[in-house]
C-alpha atoms as a PDB file:
ATOM      1  CA  MET A   1     -62.754-102.548 -25.701  1.00  0.00           C
ATOM      2  CA  GLU A   2     -63.917-104.301 -22.573  1.00  0.00           C
ATOM      3  CA  ARG A   3     -61.522-105.349 -19.843  1.00  0.00           C
ATOM      4  CA  ILE A   4     -61.889-108.892 -18.269  1.00  0.00           C
ATOM      5  CA  ALA A   5     -59.945-110.680 -15.686  1.00  0.00           C
ATOM      6  CA  LEU A   6     -59.156-114.428 -15.728  1.00  0.00           C
ATOM      7  CA  SER A   7     -58.570-115.587 -12.115  1.00  0.00           C
ATOM      8  CA  PHE A   8     -57.062-118.849 -11.061  1.00  0.00           C
ATOM      9  CA  ASP A   9     -56.852-120.307  -7.523  1.00  0.00           C
ATOM     10  CA  ILE A  10     -53.459-122.177  -7.758  1.00  0.00           C
ATOM     11  CA  GLU A  11     -53.046-122.801  -3.994  1.00  0.00           C
ATOM     12  CA  LYS A  12     -53.474-126.506  -4.274  1.00  0.00           C
ATOM     13  CA  SER A  13     -50.837-126.771  -7.005  1.00  0.00           C
ATOM     14  CA  HIS A  14     -48.108-126.118  -4.353  1.00  0.00           C
ATOM     15  CA  ILE A  15     -45.903-124.172  -6.726  1.00  0.00           C
ATOM     16  CA  ASP A  16     -43.469-121.594  -5.504  1.00  0.00           C
ATOM     17  CA  TYR A  17     -43.269-117.904  -6.482  1.00  0.00           C
ATOM     18  CA  ASP A  18     -41.037-118.513  -9.427  1.00  0.00           C
ATOM     19  CA  GLY A  19     -43.255-121.314 -10.660  1.00  0.00           C
ATOM     20  CA  ALA A  20     -46.233-118.964 -10.348  1.00  0.00           C
ATOM     21  CA  SER A  21     -44.365-116.309 -12.284  1.00  0.00           C
ATOM     22  CA  ASP A  22     -43.496-118.751 -15.031  1.00  0.00           C
ATOM     23  CA  LEU A  23     -47.050-120.034 -15.171  1.00  0.00           C
ATOM     24  CA  ARG A  24     -48.511-116.439 -15.455  1.00  0.00           C
ATOM     25  CA  HIS A  25     -46.099-115.640 -18.176  1.00  0.00           C
ATOM     26  CA  GLU A  26     -46.874-118.843 -20.096  1.00  0.00           C
ATOM     27  CA  ILE A  27     -50.651-118.350 -19.932  1.00  0.00           C
ATOM     28  CA  SER A  28     -50.391-114.623 -20.707  1.00  0.00           C
ATOM     29  CA  THR A  29     -48.245-115.300 -23.726  1.00  0.00           C
ATOM     30  CA  ARG A  30     -50.590-118.093 -25.025  1.00  0.00           C
ATOM     31  CA  LEU A  31     -53.700-115.938 -24.563  1.00  0.00           C
ATOM     32  CA  ASP A  32     -52.147-112.816 -26.093  1.00  0.00           C
ATOM     33  CA  LYS A  33     -51.049-114.780 -29.155  1.00  0.00           C
ATOM     34  CA  ALA A  34     -54.484-116.376 -29.527  1.00  0.00           C
ATOM     35  CA  LEU A  35     -56.465-113.193 -28.986  1.00  0.00           C
ATOM     36  CA  ARG A  36     -54.341-111.268 -31.438  1.00  0.00           C
ATOM     37  CA  ALA A  37     -54.606-113.986 -34.079  1.00  0.00           C
ATOM     38  CA  ALA A  38     -58.333-113.988 -33.688  1.00  0.00           C
ATOM     39  CA  ASN A  39     -58.355-110.189 -33.817  1.00  0.00           C
ATOM     40  CA  SER A  40     -60.474-110.199 -30.682  1.00  0.00           C
ATOM     41  CA  GLY A  41     -58.320-108.671 -27.991  1.00  0.00           C
ATOM     42  CA  LYS A  42     -54.969-108.616 -26.287  1.00  0.00           C
ATOM     43  CA  TRP A  43     -53.272-109.156 -22.946  1.00  0.00           C
ATOM     44  CA  VAL A  44     -52.836-106.015 -20.807  1.00  0.00           C
ATOM     45  CA  GLY A  45     -51.437-107.205 -17.550  1.00  0.00           C
ATOM     46  CA  GLY A  46     -51.679-109.540 -14.585  1.00  0.00           C
ATOM     47  CA  SER A  47     -50.628-110.388 -11.057  1.00  0.00           C
ATOM     48  CA  TYR A  48     -49.769-113.452  -9.070  1.00  0.00           C
ATOM     49  CA  THR A  49     -48.847-114.942  -5.691  1.00  0.00           C
ATOM     50  CA  LYS A  50     -47.961-118.551  -5.078  1.00  0.00           C
ATOM     51  CA  ASP A  51     -51.678-119.105  -4.359  1.00  0.00           C
ATOM     52  CA  TYR A  52     -53.561-116.956  -6.828  1.00  0.00           C
ATOM     53  CA  MET A  53     -53.031-115.606 -10.396  1.00  0.00           C
ATOM     54  CA  GLU A  54     -54.895-113.032 -12.465  1.00  0.00           C
ATOM     55  CA  ILE A  55     -54.518-112.231 -16.068  1.00  0.00           C
ATOM     56  CA  PHE A  56     -56.083-109.084 -17.539  1.00  0.00           C
ATOM     57  CA  VAL A  57     -57.123-108.858 -21.194  1.00  0.00           C
ATOM     58  CA  LYS A  58     -59.003-106.343 -23.263  1.00  0.00           C
ATOM     59  CA  VAL A  59     -61.496-107.707 -25.730  1.00  0.00           C
ATOM     60  CA  ASP A  60     -63.733-106.333 -28.502  1.00  0.00           C
ATOM     61  CA  ASP A  61     -66.693-108.678 -27.930  1.00  0.00           C
ATOM     62  CA  TYR A  62     -66.936-110.658 -24.656  1.00  0.00           C
ATOM     63  CA  GLN A  63     -69.180-113.312 -26.024  1.00  0.00           C
ATOM     64  CA  GLN A  64     -67.023-113.932 -29.142  1.00  0.00           C
ATOM     65  CA  THR A  65     -63.817-114.008 -27.052  1.00  0.00           C
ATOM     66  CA  LEU A  66     -64.922-116.786 -24.660  1.00  0.00           C
ATOM     67  CA  PRO A  67     -64.448-119.518 -27.188  1.00  0.00           C
ATOM     68  CA  VAL A  68     -60.983-118.232 -28.108  1.00  0.00           C
ATOM     69  CA  ILE A  69     -59.991-118.326 -24.347  1.00  0.00           C
ATOM     70  CA  GLN A  70     -61.510-121.788 -23.943  1.00  0.00           C
ATOM     71  CA  ALA A  71     -59.791-123.126 -27.052  1.00  0.00           C
ATOM     72  CA  THR A  72     -56.481-121.715 -25.951  1.00  0.00           C
ATOM     73  CA  LEU A  73     -56.500-123.304 -22.597  1.00  0.00           C
ATOM     74  CA  LYS A  74     -58.442-126.477 -23.429  1.00  0.00           C
ATOM     75  CA  ASP A  75     -55.572-128.824 -22.757  1.00  0.00           C
ATOM     76  CA  HIS A  76     -54.074-126.926 -19.803  1.00  0.00           C
ATOM     77  CA  TRP A  77     -54.609-128.099 -16.236  1.00  0.00           C
ATOM     78  CA  LEU A  78     -55.639-124.433 -15.269  1.00  0.00           C
ATOM     79  CA  LEU A  79     -58.880-124.451 -17.369  1.00  0.00           C
ATOM     80  CA  PRO A  80     -61.023-125.948 -14.592  1.00  0.00           C
ATOM     81  CA  LEU A  81     -59.719-123.392 -12.181  1.00  0.00           C
ATOM     82  CA  MET A  82     -60.565-120.376 -14.279  1.00  0.00           C
ATOM     83  CA  GLU A  83     -62.986-117.735 -13.311  1.00  0.00           C
ATOM     84  CA  ILE A  84     -63.855-114.885 -15.721  1.00  0.00           C
ATOM     85  CA  THR A  85     -64.845-111.463 -14.353  1.00  0.00           C
ATOM     86  CA  ARG A  86     -66.058-108.733 -16.613  1.00  0.00           C
ATOM     87  CA  ARG A  87     -64.507-105.592 -15.162  1.00  0.00           C
ATOM     88  CA  SER A  88     -67.045-103.254 -16.842  1.00  0.00           C
ATOM     89  CA  ASP A  89     -70.025-104.633 -15.054  1.00  0.00           C
ATOM     90  CA  GLN A  90     -68.390-106.941 -12.392  1.00  0.00           C
ATOM     91  CA  LYS A  91     -70.445-110.051 -13.596  1.00  0.00           C
ATOM     92  CA  SER A  92     -68.603-113.272 -12.952  1.00  0.00           C
ATOM     93  CA  ARG A  93     -68.825-116.373 -15.008  1.00  0.00           C
ATOM     94  CA  ARG A  94     -67.328-119.633 -13.931  1.00  0.00           C
ATOM     95  CA  ARG A  95     -65.616-121.767 -16.648  1.00  0.00           C
END
């Protein structure tokens, strides 16, 4: 499995720490459920501040997992803020 990080710059959203915590939990839960249903990966951790959030997932196939992530967040205001980083080779891809 390959580890990837989903990063979100949420500074302009002006949410507090509790709001950032709730947001990270919401997105992590959504992604974990979708990745497991697609049998393509799982949520493995994350971090947050009131300005920045990261969600870590392990995936079987990076290219096949991208559409699952996109579909899961397609209607969420965070999608345009998402940056995906492959941890195995440190390549970044803006989404």
